[in-house]
Amino acid sequence: MKKLTIILTIALFAFASTGLKAQTAEDKDVKTYSVKVMFHCANGKALLEQELPKKRGVVSAVANLETKIVEVKYNTSLTKPETIIEYIHQIGYLTELDPAGTTLPKKACSHDDNPTH
């Protein structure tokens, strides 16, 4: 019985350490990209946080309503910062990196059109 307990304990530790190594390898491919996005309200914050993670390579997104900074965790083997900017445009928002006068075919929010929004 002692031999069985020892064998099971060793097997458990071996299995647990293998899982940790795999997780660490995945974490190396995940980076954070921060960019200022021109959203104006809690609905915009929610939209960015819900829609960005649906895009290829995006792990998560957190938008700060006060600073307008969106922190995007992404898998570097699947996407890049330039593509994240494109994703933000697809959702309907401009970023601080867009040249003045840039327009989008789709606007996520109508603050300019309806100030009571």
PDB file of N, CA and C in Angstrom:
ATOM      1  N   MET A   1       0.820  -1.193   0.000  1.00  0.00           N
ATOM      2  CA  MET A   1       0.000   0.000   0.000  1.00  0.00           C
ATOM      3  C   MET A   1       0.868   1.263   0.000  1.00  0.00           C
ATOM      4  N   LYS A   2       1.988   1.236   0.755  1.00  0.00           N
ATOM      5  CA  LYS A   2       2.878   2.390   0.784  1.00  0.00           C
ATOM      6  C   LYS A   2       3.493   2.643  -0.588  1.00  0.00           C
ATOM      7  N   LYS A   3       3.837   1.559  -1.285  1.00  0.00           N
ATOM      8  CA  LYS A   3       4.428   1.707  -2.613  1.00  0.00           C
ATOM      9  C   LYS A   3       3.438   2.377  -3.559  1.00  0.00           C
ATOM     10  N   LEU A   4       2.177   1.986  -3.484  1.00  0.00           N
ATOM     11  CA  LEU A   4       1.142   2.569  -4.334  1.00  0.00           C
ATOM     12  C   LEU A   4       0.973   4.059  -4.037  1.00  0.00           C
ATOM     13  N   THR A   5       0.984   4.416  -2.767  1.00  0.00           N
ATOM     14  CA  THR A   5       0.852   5.818  -2.374  1.00  0.00           C
ATOM     15  C   THR A   5       2.034   6.633  -2.888  1.00  0.00           C
ATOM     16  N   ILE A   6       3.227   6.087  -2.765  1.00  0.00           N
ATOM     17  CA  ILE A   6       4.426   6.781  -3.239  1.00  0.00           C
ATOM     18  C   ILE A   6       4.384   6.953  -4.754  1.00  0.00           C
ATOM     19  N   ILE A   7       4.003   5.907  -5.459  1.00  0.00           N
ATOM     20  CA  ILE A   7       3.926   5.974  -6.921  1.00  0.00           C
ATOM     21  C   ILE A   7       2.887   7.007  -7.359  1.00  0.00           C
ATOM     22  N   LEU A   8       1.736   7.005  -6.710  1.00  0.00           N
ATOM     23  CA  LEU A   8       0.690   7.976  -7.055  1.00  0.00           C
ATOM     24  C   LEU A   8       1.135   9.407  -6.749  1.00  0.00           C
ATOM     25  N   THR A   9       1.839   9.600  -5.653  1.00  0.00           N
ATOM     26  CA  THR A   9       2.333  10.928  -5.298  1.00  0.00           C
ATOM     27  C   THR A   9       3.341  11.425  -6.330  1.00  0.00           C
ATOM     28  N   ILE A  10       4.260  10.567  -6.724  1.00  0.00           N
ATOM     29  CA  ILE A  10       5.254  10.938  -7.737  1.00  0.00           C
ATOM     30  C   ILE A  10       4.565  11.255  -9.062  1.00  0.00           C
ATOM     31  N   ALA A  11       3.598  10.441  -9.437  1.00  0.00           N
ATOM     32  CA  ALA A  11       2.864  10.671 -10.685  1.00  0.00           C
ATOM     33  C   ALA A  11       2.115  12.001 -10.642  1.00  0.00           C
ATOM     34  N   LEU A  12       1.533  12.309  -9.504  1.00  0.00           N
ATOM     35  CA  LEU A  12       0.796  13.566  -9.354  1.00  0.00           C
ATOM     36  C   LEU A  12       1.727  14.766  -9.514  1.00  0.00           C
ATOM     37  N   PHE A  13       2.885  14.736  -8.879  1.00  0.00           N
ATOM     38  CA  PHE A  13       3.840  15.836  -9.005  1.00  0.00           C
ATOM     39  C   PHE A  13       4.370  15.962 -10.431  1.00  0.00           C
ATOM     40  N   ALA A  14       4.634  14.845 -11.067  1.00  0.00           N
ATOM     41  CA  ALA A  14       5.121  14.877 -12.448  1.00  0.00           C
ATOM     42  C   ALA A  14       4.071  15.487 -13.370  1.00  0.00           C
ATOM     43  N   PHE A  15       2.825  15.117 -13.186  1.00  0.00           N
ATOM     44  CA  PHE A  15       1.731  15.648 -14.001  1.00  0.00           C
ATOM     45  C   PHE A  15       1.547  17.141 -13.758  1.00  0.00           C
ATOM     46  N   ALA A  16       1.601  17.559 -12.512  1.00  0.00           N
ATOM     47  CA  ALA A  16       1.405  18.969 -12.164  1.00  0.00           C
ATOM     48  C   ALA A  16       2.523  19.837 -12.741  1.00  0.00           C
ATOM     49  N   SER A  17       3.760  19.379 -12.678  1.00  0.00           N
ATOM     50  CA  SER A  17       4.866  20.183 -13.196  1.00  0.00           C
ATOM     51  C   SER A  17       4.822  20.277 -14.718  1.00  0.00           C
ATOM     52  N   THR A  18       4.343  19.260 -15.402  1.00  0.00           N
ATOM     53  CA  THR A  18       4.190  19.307 -16.856  1.00  0.00           C
ATOM     54  C   THR A  18       3.171  20.362 -17.241  1.00  0.00           C
ATOM     55  N   GLY A  19       2.074  20.444 -16.517  1.00  0.00           N
ATOM     56  CA  GLY A  19       1.043  21.448 -16.784  1.00  0.00           C
ATOM     57  C   GLY A  19       1.564  22.855 -16.589  1.00  0.00           C
ATOM     58  N   LEU A  20       2.399  23.066 -15.601  1.00  0.00           N
ATOM     59  CA  LEU A  20       2.958  24.392 -15.353  1.00  0.00           C
ATOM     60  C   LEU A  20       3.900  24.820 -16.468  1.00  0.00           C
ATOM     61  N   LYS A  21       4.681  23.900 -16.987  1.00  0.00           N
ATOM     62  CA  LYS A  21       5.588  24.223 -18.081  1.00  0.00           C
ATOM     63  C   LYS A  21       4.809  24.627 -19.323  1.00  0.00           C
ATOM     64  N   ALA A  22       3.728  23.941 -19.624  1.00  0.00           N
ATOM     65  CA  ALA A  22       2.914  24.257 -20.794  1.00  0.00           C
ATOM     66  C   ALA A  22       2.289  25.638 -20.652  1.00  0.00           C
ATOM     67  N   GLN A  23       1.823  25.960 -19.476  1.00  0.00           N
ATOM     68  CA  GLN A  23       1.202  27.257 -19.253  1.00  0.00           C
ATOM     69  C   GLN A  23       2.242  28.372 -19.396  1.00  0.00           C
ATOM     70  N   THR A  24       3.419  28.165 -18.915  1.00  0.00           N
ATOM     71  CA  THR A  24       4.472  29.162 -19.016  1.00  0.00           C
ATOM     72  C   THR A  24       4.847  29.412 -20.471  1.00  0.00           C
ATOM     73  N   ALA A  25       4.896  28.376 -21.280  1.00  0.00           N
ATOM     74  CA  ALA A  25       5.207  28.529 -22.695  1.00  0.00           C
ATOM     75  C   ALA A  25       4.141  29.364 -23.388  1.00  0.00           C
ATOM     76  N   GLU A  26       2.874  29.160 -23.045  1.00  0.00           N
ATOM     77  CA  GLU A  26       1.792  29.952 -23.629  1.00  0.00           C
ATOM     78  C   GLU A  26       1.904  31.405 -23.202  1.00  0.00           C
ATOM     79  N   ASP A  27       2.236  31.654 -21.942  1.00  0.00           N
ATOM     80  CA  ASP A  27       2.330  33.012 -21.428  1.00  0.00           C
ATOM     81  C   ASP A  27       3.412  33.816 -22.144  1.00  0.00           C
ATOM     82  N   LYS A  28       4.444  33.162 -22.637  1.00  0.00           N
ATOM     83  CA  LYS A  28       5.508  33.859 -23.351  1.00  0.00           C
ATOM     84  C   LYS A  28       4.989  34.478 -24.642  1.00  0.00           C
ATOM     85  N   ASP A  29       3.955  33.894 -25.230  1.00  0.00           N
ATOM     86  CA  ASP A  29       3.383  34.399 -26.474  1.00  0.00           C
ATOM     87  C   ASP A  29       2.349  35.492 -26.246  1.00  0.00           C
ATOM     88  N   VAL A  30       1.990  35.767 -24.994  1.00  0.00           N
ATOM     89  CA  VAL A  30       0.964  36.767 -24.698  1.00  0.00           C
ATOM     90  C   VAL A  30       1.626  38.065 -24.244  1.00  0.00           C
ATOM     91  N   LYS A  31       1.278  39.154 -24.938  1.00  0.00           N
ATOM     92  CA  LYS A  31       1.785  40.479 -24.583  1.00  0.00           C
ATOM     93  C   LYS A  31       0.606  41.419 -24.403  1.00  0.00           C
ATOM     94  N   THR A  32       0.882  42.586 -23.848  1.00  0.00           N
ATOM     95  CA  THR A  32      -0.148  43.603 -23.658  1.00  0.00           C
ATOM     96  C   THR A  32       0.174  44.805 -24.535  1.00  0.00           C
ATOM     97  N   TYR A  33      -0.849  45.281 -25.238  1.00  0.00           N
ATOM     98  CA  TYR A  33      -0.732  46.469 -26.080  1.00  0.00           C
ATOM     99  C   TYR A  33      -1.712  47.504 -25.555  1.00  0.00           C
ATOM    100  N   SER A  34      -1.240  48.706 -25.291  1.00  0.00           N
ATOM    101  CA  SER A  34      -2.093  49.783 -24.779  1.00  0.00           C
ATOM    102  C   SER A  34      -2.202  50.888 -25.816  1.00  0.00           C
ATOM    103  N   VAL A  35      -3.435  51.367 -26.004  1.00  0.00           N
ATOM    104  CA  VAL A  35      -3.670  52.436 -26.965  1.00  0.00           C
ATOM    105  C   VAL A  35      -4.853  53.277 -26.498  1.00  0.00           C
ATOM    106  N   LYS A  36      -4.781  54.587 -26.759  1.00  0.00           N
ATOM    107  CA  LYS A  36      -5.892  55.477 -26.422  1.00  0.00           C
ATOM    108  C   LYS A  36      -6.933  55.374 -27.537  1.00  0.00           C
ATOM    109  N   VAL A  37      -8.171  55.115 -27.140  1.00  0.00           N
ATOM    110  CA  VAL A  37      -9.271  54.920 -28.088  1.00  0.00           C
ATOM    111  C   VAL A  37     -10.320  55.993 -27.837  1.00  0.00           C
ATOM    112  N   MET A  38     -10.900  56.505 -28.896  1.00  0.00           N
ATOM    113  CA  MET A  38     -11.856  57.606 -28.790  1.00  0.00           C
ATOM    114  C   MET A  38     -13.279  57.111 -28.520  1.00  0.00           C
ATOM    115  N   PHE A  39     -13.486  56.529 -27.340  1.00  0.00           N
ATOM    116  CA  PHE A  39     -14.835  56.153 -26.909  1.00  0.00           C
ATOM    117  C   PHE A  39     -15.246  57.112 -25.804  1.00  0.00           C
ATOM    118  N   HIS A  40     -16.561  57.256 -25.582  1.00  0.00           N
ATOM    119  CA  HIS A  40     -17.022  58.334 -24.713  1.00  0.00           C
ATOM    120  C   HIS A  40     -17.853  57.906 -23.514  1.00  0.00           C
ATOM    121  N   CYS A  41     -18.309  56.662 -23.487  1.00  0.00           N
ATOM    122  CA  CYS A  41     -19.265  56.301 -22.439  1.00  0.00           C
ATOM    123  C   CYS A  41     -19.072  54.852 -22.006  1.00  0.00           C
ATOM    124  N   ALA A  42     -19.833  54.463 -21.001  1.00  0.00           N
ATOM    125  CA  ALA A  42     -19.761  53.099 -20.474  1.00  0.00           C
ATOM    126  C   ALA A  42     -20.164  52.074 -21.529  1.00  0.00           C
ATOM    127  N   ASN A  43     -21.064  52.454 -22.431  1.00  0.00           N
ATOM    128  CA  ASN A  43     -21.449  51.525 -23.500  1.00  0.00           C
ATOM    129  C   ASN A  43     -20.272  51.247 -24.429  1.00  0.00           C
ATOM    130  N   GLY A  44     -19.481  52.277 -24.715  1.00  0.00           N
ATOM    131  CA  GLY A  44     -18.294  52.089 -25.545  1.00  0.00           C
ATOM    132  C   GLY A  44     -17.268  51.204 -24.862  1.00  0.00           C
ATOM    133  N   LYS A  45     -17.090  51.416 -23.580  1.00  0.00           N
ATOM    134  CA  LYS A  45     -16.184  50.579 -22.781  1.00  0.00           C
ATOM    135  C   LYS A  45     -16.618  49.127 -22.863  1.00  0.00           C
ATOM    136  N   ALA A  46     -17.909  48.889 -22.646  1.00  0.00           N
ATOM    137  CA  ALA A  46     -18.439  47.522 -22.677  1.00  0.00           C
ATOM    138  C   ALA A  46     -18.291  46.912 -24.066  1.00  0.00           C
ATOM    139  N   LEU A  47     -18.563  47.696 -25.096  1.00  0.00           N
ATOM    140  CA  LEU A  47     -18.464  47.194 -26.465  1.00  0.00           C
ATOM    141  C   LEU A  47     -17.039  46.762 -26.787  1.00  0.00           C
ATOM    142  N   LEU A  48     -16.065  47.587 -26.444  1.00  0.00           N
ATOM    143  CA  LEU A  48     -14.666  47.236 -26.690  1.00  0.00           C
ATOM    144  C   LEU A  48     -14.258  45.987 -25.911  1.00  0.00           C
ATOM    145  N   GLU A  49     -14.656  45.914 -24.639  1.00  0.00           N
ATOM    146  CA  GLU A  49     -14.276  44.770 -23.800  1.00  0.00           C
ATOM    147  C   GLU A  49     -14.961  43.481 -24.246  1.00  0.00           C
ATOM    148  N   GLN A  50     -16.136  43.591 -24.849  1.00  0.00           N
ATOM    149  CA  GLN A  50     -16.848  42.394 -25.311  1.00  0.00           C
ATOM    150  C   GLN A  50     -16.407  41.958 -26.701  1.00  0.00           C
ATOM    151  N   GLU A  51     -16.191  42.911 -27.596  1.00  0.00           N
ATOM    152  CA  GLU A  51     -15.928  42.576 -28.996  1.00  0.00           C
ATOM    153  C   GLU A  51     -14.468  42.264 -29.308  1.00  0.00           C
ATOM    154  N   LEU A  52     -13.530  42.955 -28.689  1.00  0.00           N
ATOM    155  CA  LEU A  52     -12.122  42.691 -28.993  1.00  0.00           C
ATOM    156  C   LEU A  52     -11.712  41.244 -28.714  1.00  0.00           C
ATOM    157  N   PRO A  53     -12.119  40.639 -27.582  1.00  0.00           N
ATOM    158  CA  PRO A  53     -11.715  39.250 -27.341  1.00  0.00           C
ATOM    159  C   PRO A  53     -12.288  38.242 -28.348  1.00  0.00           C
ATOM    160  N   LYS A  54     -13.253  38.649 -29.140  1.00  0.00           N
ATOM    161  CA  LYS A  54     -13.807  37.769 -30.175  1.00  0.00           C
ATOM    162  C   LYS A  54     -12.918  37.739 -31.416  1.00  0.00           C
ATOM    163  N   LYS A  55     -11.994  38.665 -31.499  1.00  0.00           N
ATOM    164  CA  LYS A  55     -11.120  38.777 -32.661  1.00  0.00           C
ATOM    165  C   LYS A  55      -9.945  37.815 -32.538  1.00  0.00           C
ATOM    166  N   ARG A  56      -9.448  37.372 -33.673  1.00  0.00           N
ATOM    167  CA  ARG A  56      -8.368  36.390 -33.724  1.00  0.00           C
ATOM    168  C   ARG A  56      -7.128  36.905 -32.981  1.00  0.00           C
ATOM    169  N   GLY A  57      -6.655  36.116 -32.037  1.00  0.00           N
ATOM    170  CA  GLY A  57      -5.427  36.423 -31.319  1.00  0.00           C
ATOM    171  C   GLY A  57      -5.589  37.275 -30.078  1.00  0.00           C
ATOM    172  N   VAL A  58      -6.772  37.872 -29.881  1.00  0.00           N
ATOM    173  CA  VAL A  58      -6.982  38.721 -28.708  1.00  0.00           C
ATOM    174  C   VAL A  58      -7.436  37.857 -27.537  1.00  0.00           C
ATOM    175  N   VAL A  59      -6.736  37.953 -26.434  1.00  0.00           N
ATOM    176  CA  VAL A  59      -7.047  37.178 -25.236  1.00  0.00           C
ATOM    177  C   VAL A  59      -8.059  37.927 -24.371  1.00  0.00           C
ATOM    178  N   SER A  60      -7.819  39.228 -24.153  1.00  0.00           N
ATOM    179  CA  SER A  60      -8.726  40.034 -23.333  1.00  0.00           C
ATOM    180  C   SER A  60      -8.510  41.509 -23.629  1.00  0.00           C
ATOM    181  N   ALA A  61      -9.484  42.312 -23.199  1.00  0.00           N
ATOM    182  CA  ALA A  61      -9.374  43.765 -23.358  1.00  0.00           C
ATOM    183  C   ALA A  61      -9.998  44.436 -22.146  1.00  0.00           C
ATOM    184  N   VAL A  62      -9.318  45.456 -21.635  1.00  0.00           N
ATOM    185  CA  VAL A  62      -9.832  46.244 -20.517  1.00  0.00           C
ATOM    186  C   VAL A  62      -9.732  47.710 -20.917  1.00  0.00           C
ATOM    187  N   ALA A  63     -10.878  48.388 -20.904  1.00  0.00           N
ATOM    188  CA  ALA A  63     -10.926  49.802 -21.284  1.00  0.00           C
ATOM    189  C   ALA A  63     -11.130  50.657 -20.039  1.00  0.00           C
ATOM    190  N   ASN A  64     -10.356  51.720 -19.927  1.00  0.00           N
ATOM    191  CA  ASN A  64     -10.480  52.650 -18.808  1.00  0.00           C
ATOM    192  C   ASN A  64     -11.286  53.852 -19.285  1.00  0.00           C
ATOM    193  N   LEU A  65     -12.450  54.041 -18.713  1.00  0.00           N
ATOM    194  CA  LEU A  65     -13.357  55.105 -19.137  1.00  0.00           C
ATOM    195  C   LEU A  65     -12.776  56.499 -18.899  1.00  0.00           C
ATOM    196  N   GLU A  66     -11.990  56.675 -17.857  1.00  0.00           N
ATOM    197  CA  GLU A  66     -11.424  57.993 -17.553  1.00  0.00           C
ATOM    198  C   GLU A  66     -10.268  58.358 -18.480  1.00  0.00           C
ATOM    199  N   THR A  67      -9.336  57.438 -18.672  1.00  0.00           N
ATOM    200  CA  THR A  67      -8.144  57.735 -19.474  1.00  0.00           C
ATOM    201  C   THR A  67      -8.326  57.410 -20.950  1.00  0.00           C
ATOM    202  N   LYS A  68      -9.340  56.611 -21.270  1.00  0.00           N
ATOM    203  CA  LYS A  68      -9.618  56.145 -22.643  1.00  0.00           C
ATOM    204  C   LYS A  68      -8.556  55.160 -23.139  1.00  0.00           C
ATOM    205  N   ILE A  69      -7.724  54.668 -22.236  1.00  0.00           N
ATOM    206  CA  ILE A  69      -6.700  53.693 -22.602  1.00  0.00           C
ATOM    207  C   ILE A  69      -7.319  52.300 -22.593  1.00  0.00           C
ATOM    208  N   VAL A  70      -7.091  51.569 -23.678  1.00  0.00           N
ATOM    209  CA  VAL A  70      -7.546  50.186 -23.764  1.00  0.00           C
ATOM    210  C   VAL A  70      -6.304  49.305 -23.732  1.00  0.00           C
ATOM    211  N   GLU A  71      -6.266  48.389 -22.773  1.00  0.00           N
ATOM    212  CA  GLU A  71      -5.167  47.430 -22.668  1.00  0.00           C
ATOM    213  C   GLU A  71      -5.641  46.112 -23.251  1.00  0.00           C
ATOM    214  N   VAL A  72      -4.953  45.671 -24.285  1.00  0.00           N
ATOM    215  CA  VAL A  72      -5.334  44.454 -24.996  1.00  0.00           C
ATOM    216  C   VAL A  72      -4.251  43.408 -24.790  1.00  0.00           C
ATOM    217  N   LYS A  73      -4.624  42.277 -24.223  1.00  0.00           N
ATOM    218  CA  LYS A  73      -3.699  41.144 -24.127  1.00  0.00           C
ATOM    219  C   LYS A  73      -3.909  40.319 -25.392  1.00  0.00           C
ATOM    220  N   TYR A  74      -2.807  40.000 -26.069  1.00  0.00           N
ATOM    221  CA  TYR A  74      -2.919  39.293 -27.340  1.00  0.00           C
ATOM    222  C   TYR A  74      -1.813  38.257 -27.494  1.00  0.00           C
ATOM    223  N   ASN A  75      -2.087  37.268 -28.308  1.00  0.00           N
ATOM    224  CA  ASN A  75      -1.134  36.213 -28.603  1.00  0.00           C
ATOM    225  C   ASN A  75      -0.281  36.678 -29.780  1.00  0.00           C
ATOM    226  N   THR A  76       1.015  36.835 -29.555  1.00  0.00           N
ATOM    227  CA  THR A  76       1.912  37.382 -30.572  1.00  0.00           C
ATOM    228  C   THR A  76       2.067  36.477 -31.786  1.00  0.00           C
ATOM    229  N   SER A  77       1.752  35.208 -31.639  1.00  0.00           N
ATOM    230  CA  SER A  77       1.854  34.315 -32.791  1.00  0.00           C
ATOM    231  C   SER A  77       0.599  34.376 -33.661  1.00  0.00           C
ATOM    232  N   LEU A  78      -0.446  35.057 -33.186  1.00  0.00           N
ATOM    233  CA  LEU A  78      -1.698  35.122 -33.939  1.00  0.00           C
ATOM    234  C   LEU A  78      -2.065  36.518 -34.424  1.00  0.00           C
ATOM    235  N   THR A  79      -1.583  37.548 -33.768  1.00  0.00           N
ATOM    236  CA  THR A  79      -1.928  38.912 -34.183  1.00  0.00           C
ATOM    237  C   THR A  79      -0.817  39.871 -33.784  1.00  0.00           C
ATOM    238  N   LYS A  80      -0.964  41.131 -34.186  1.00  0.00           N
ATOM    239  CA  LYS A  80       0.045  42.160 -33.902  1.00  0.00           C
ATOM    240  C   LYS A  80      -0.667  43.479 -33.620  1.00  0.00           C
ATOM    241  N   PRO A  81       0.027  44.461 -33.048  1.00  0.00           N
ATOM    242  CA  PRO A  81      -0.618  45.733 -32.700  1.00  0.00           C
ATOM    243  C   PRO A  81      -1.335  46.413 -33.869  1.00  0.00           C
ATOM    244  N   GLU A  82      -0.758  46.365 -35.060  1.00  0.00           N
ATOM    245  CA  GLU A  82      -1.400  46.992 -36.218  1.00  0.00           C
ATOM    246  C   GLU A  82      -2.762  46.363 -36.499  1.00  0.00           C
ATOM    247  N   THR A  83      -2.852  45.063 -36.320  1.00  0.00           N
ATOM    248  CA  THR A  83      -4.115  44.359 -36.540  1.00  0.00           C
ATOM    249  C   THR A  83      -5.114  44.704 -35.441  1.00  0.00           C
ATOM    250  N   ILE A  84      -4.635  44.893 -34.226  1.00  0.00           N
ATOM    251  CA  ILE A  84      -5.527  45.289 -33.127  1.00  0.00           C
ATOM    252  C   ILE A  84      -6.158  46.647 -33.434  1.00  0.00           C
ATOM    253  N   ILE A  85      -5.384  47.564 -34.008  1.00  0.00           N
ATOM    254  CA  ILE A  85      -5.934  48.865 -34.416  1.00  0.00           C
ATOM    255  C   ILE A  85      -7.038  48.650 -35.453  1.00  0.00           C
ATOM    256  N   GLU A  86      -6.812  47.757 -36.404  1.00  0.00           N
ATOM    257  CA  GLU A  86      -7.837  47.442 -37.407  1.00  0.00           C
ATOM    258  C   GLU A  86      -9.090  46.883 -36.736  1.00  0.00           C
ATOM    259  N   TYR A  87      -8.915  46.027 -35.740  1.00  0.00           N
ATOM    260  CA  TYR A  87     -10.061  45.477 -35.010  1.00  0.00           C
ATOM    261  C   TYR A  87     -10.856  46.602 -34.337  1.00  0.00           C
ATOM    262  N   ILE A  88     -10.156  47.558 -33.746  1.00  0.00           N
ATOM    263  CA  ILE A  88     -10.820  48.688 -33.084  1.00  0.00           C
ATOM    264  C   ILE A  88     -11.604  49.500 -34.114  1.00  0.00           C
ATOM    265  N   HIS A  89     -11.028  49.689 -35.297  1.00  0.00           N
ATOM    266  CA  HIS A  89     -11.740  50.378 -36.380  1.00  0.00           C
ATOM    267  C   HIS A  89     -12.993  49.601 -36.778  1.00  0.00           C
ATOM    268  N   GLN A  90     -12.881  48.277 -36.881  1.00  0.00           N
ATOM    269  CA  GLN A  90     -14.032  47.447 -37.252  1.00  0.00           C
ATOM    270  C   GLN A  90     -15.162  47.588 -36.239  1.00  0.00           C
ATOM    271  N   ILE A  91     -14.816  47.754 -34.979  1.00  0.00           N
ATOM    272  CA  ILE A  91     -15.832  47.935 -33.936  1.00  0.00           C
ATOM    273  C   ILE A  91     -16.472  49.320 -34.064  1.00  0.00           C
ATOM    274  N   GLY A  92     -15.727  50.281 -34.611  1.00  0.00           N
ATOM    275  CA  GLY A  92     -16.295  51.594 -34.859  1.00  0.00           C
ATOM    276  C   GLY A  92     -15.639  52.740 -34.125  1.00  0.00           C
ATOM    277  N   TYR A  93     -14.389  52.565 -33.706  1.00  0.00           N
ATOM    278  CA  TYR A  93     -13.698  53.616 -32.961  1.00  0.00           C
ATOM    279  C   TYR A  93     -12.366  53.977 -33.607  1.00  0.00           C
ATOM    280  N   LEU A  94     -11.994  55.238 -33.451  1.00  0.00           N
ATOM    281  CA  LEU A  94     -10.678  55.716 -33.859  1.00  0.00           C
ATOM    282  C   LEU A  94      -9.733  55.629 -32.665  1.00  0.00           C
ATOM    283  N   THR A  95      -8.430  55.704 -32.943  1.00  0.00           N
ATOM    284  CA  THR A  95      -7.424  55.692 -31.878  1.00  0.00           C
ATOM    285  C   THR A  95      -6.564  56.950 -31.982  1.00  0.00           C
ATOM    286  N   GLU A  96      -5.723  57.148 -30.988  1.00  0.00           N
ATOM    287  CA  GLU A  96      -4.802  58.286 -30.987  1.00  0.00           C
ATOM    288  C   GLU A  96      -3.803  58.209 -32.136  1.00  0.00           C
ATOM    289  N   LEU A  97      -3.638  57.046 -32.724  1.00  0.00           N
ATOM    290  CA  LEU A  97      -2.663  56.853 -33.792  1.00  0.00           C
ATOM    291  C   LEU A  97      -3.208  57.221 -35.165  1.00  0.00           C
ATOM    292  N   ASP A  98      -4.516  57.439 -35.266  1.00  0.00           N
ATOM    293  CA  ASP A  98      -5.126  57.766 -36.555  1.00  0.00           C
ATOM    294  C   ASP A  98      -4.867  59.229 -36.907  1.00  0.00           C
ATOM    295  N   PRO A  99      -4.527  59.501 -38.176  1.00  0.00           N
ATOM    296  CA  PRO A  99      -4.312  60.890 -38.589  1.00  0.00           C
ATOM    297  C   PRO A  99      -5.594  61.718 -38.460  1.00  0.00           C
ATOM    298  N   ALA A 100      -5.435  63.012 -38.247  1.00  0.00           N
ATOM    299  CA  ALA A 100      -6.592  63.909 -38.159  1.00  0.00           C
ATOM    300  C   ALA A 100      -7.405  63.798 -39.444  1.00  0.00           C
ATOM    301  N   GLY A 101      -8.709  63.803 -39.290  1.00  0.00           N
ATOM    302  CA  GLY A 101      -9.599  63.715 -40.445  1.00  0.00           C
ATOM    303  C   GLY A 101      -9.963  62.298 -40.847  1.00  0.00           C
ATOM    304  N   THR A 102      -9.407  61.308 -40.167  1.00  0.00           N
ATOM    305  CA  THR A 102      -9.739  59.918 -40.472  1.00  0.00           C
ATOM    306  C   THR A 102     -11.201  59.670 -40.136  1.00  0.00           C
ATOM    307  N   THR A 103     -11.894  59.006 -41.038  1.00  0.00           N
ATOM    308  CA  THR A 103     -13.289  58.648 -40.785  1.00  0.00           C
ATOM    309  C   THR A 103     -13.440  57.143 -40.926  1.00  0.00           C
ATOM    310  N   LEU A 104     -14.469  56.633 -40.300  1.00  0.00           N
ATOM    311  CA  LEU A 104     -14.765  55.206 -40.365  1.00  0.00           C
ATOM    312  C   LEU A 104     -16.124  55.009 -41.014  1.00  0.00           C
ATOM    313  N   PRO A 105     -16.285  53.940 -41.796  1.00  0.00           N
ATOM    314  CA  PRO A 105     -17.592  53.684 -42.402  1.00  0.00           C
ATOM    315  C   PRO A 105     -18.656  53.347 -41.358  1.00  0.00           C
ATOM    316  N   LYS A 106     -18.224  52.788 -40.237  1.00  0.00           N
ATOM    317  CA  LYS A 106     -19.148  52.389 -39.173  1.00  0.00           C
ATOM    318  C   LYS A 106     -18.764  53.132 -37.904  1.00  0.00           C
ATOM    319  N   LYS A 107     -19.713  53.846 -37.313  1.00  0.00           N
ATOM    320  CA  LYS A 107     -19.477  54.504 -36.028  1.00  0.00           C
ATOM    321  C   LYS A 107     -20.152  53.684 -34.941  1.00  0.00           C
ATOM    322  N   ALA A 108     -19.434  53.419 -33.874  1.00  0.00           N
ATOM    323  CA  ALA A 108     -19.997  52.617 -32.789  1.00  0.00           C
ATOM    324  C   ALA A 108     -20.969  53.413 -31.939  1.00  0.00           C
ATOM    325  N   CYS A 109     -20.791  54.718 -31.882  1.00  0.00           N
ATOM    326  CA  CYS A 109     -21.584  55.546 -30.981  1.00  0.00           C
ATOM    327  C   CYS A 109     -21.963  56.839 -31.688  1.00  0.00           C
ATOM    328  N   SER A 110     -23.083  57.394 -31.313  1.00  0.00           N
ATOM    329  CA  SER A 110     -23.560  58.598 -31.999  1.00  0.00           C
ATOM    330  C   SER A 110     -23.471  59.836 -31.114  1.00  0.00           C
ATOM    331  N   HIS A 111     -22.442  59.953 -30.310  1.00  0.00           N
ATOM    332  CA  HIS A 111     -22.318  61.118 -29.428  1.00  0.00           C
ATOM    333  C   HIS A 111     -22.294  62.428 -30.204  1.00  0.00           C
ATOM    334  N   ASP A 112     -21.613  62.440 -31.337  1.00  0.00           N
ATOM    335  CA  ASP A 112     -21.545  63.672 -32.121  1.00  0.00           C
ATOM    336  C   ASP A 112     -22.907  64.028 -32.704  1.00  0.00           C
ATOM    337  N   ASP A 113     -23.709  63.005 -33.001  1.00  0.00           N
ATOM    338  CA  ASP A 113     -25.014  63.224 -33.612  1.00  0.00           C
ATOM    339  C   ASP A 113     -26.106  63.473 -32.583  1.00  0.00           C
ATOM    340  N   ASN A 114     -25.944  62.903 -31.376  1.00  0.00           N
ATOM    341  CA  ASN A 114     -26.993  62.978 -30.369  1.00  0.00           C
ATOM    342  C   ASN A 114     -26.362  63.191 -28.997  1.00  0.00           C
ATOM    343  N   PRO A 115     -26.222  64.426 -28.568  1.00  0.00           N
ATOM    344  CA  PRO A 115     -25.530  64.686 -27.299  1.00  0.00           C
ATOM    345  C   PRO A 115     -26.255  64.142 -26.073  1.00  0.00           C
ATOM    346  N   THR A 116     -27.510  63.743 -26.189  1.00  0.00           N
ATOM    347  CA  THR A 116     -28.234  63.201 -25.038  1.00  0.00           C
ATOM    348  C   THR A 116     -28.040  61.703 -24.898  1.00  0.00           C
ATOM    349  N   HIS A 117     -27.225  61.108 -25.740  1.00  0.00           N
ATOM    350  CA  HIS A 117     -27.002  59.652 -25.720  1.00  0.00           C
ATOM    351  C   HIS A 117     -26.550  59.179 -24.366  1.00  0.00           C
TER     352      HIS A 117
END
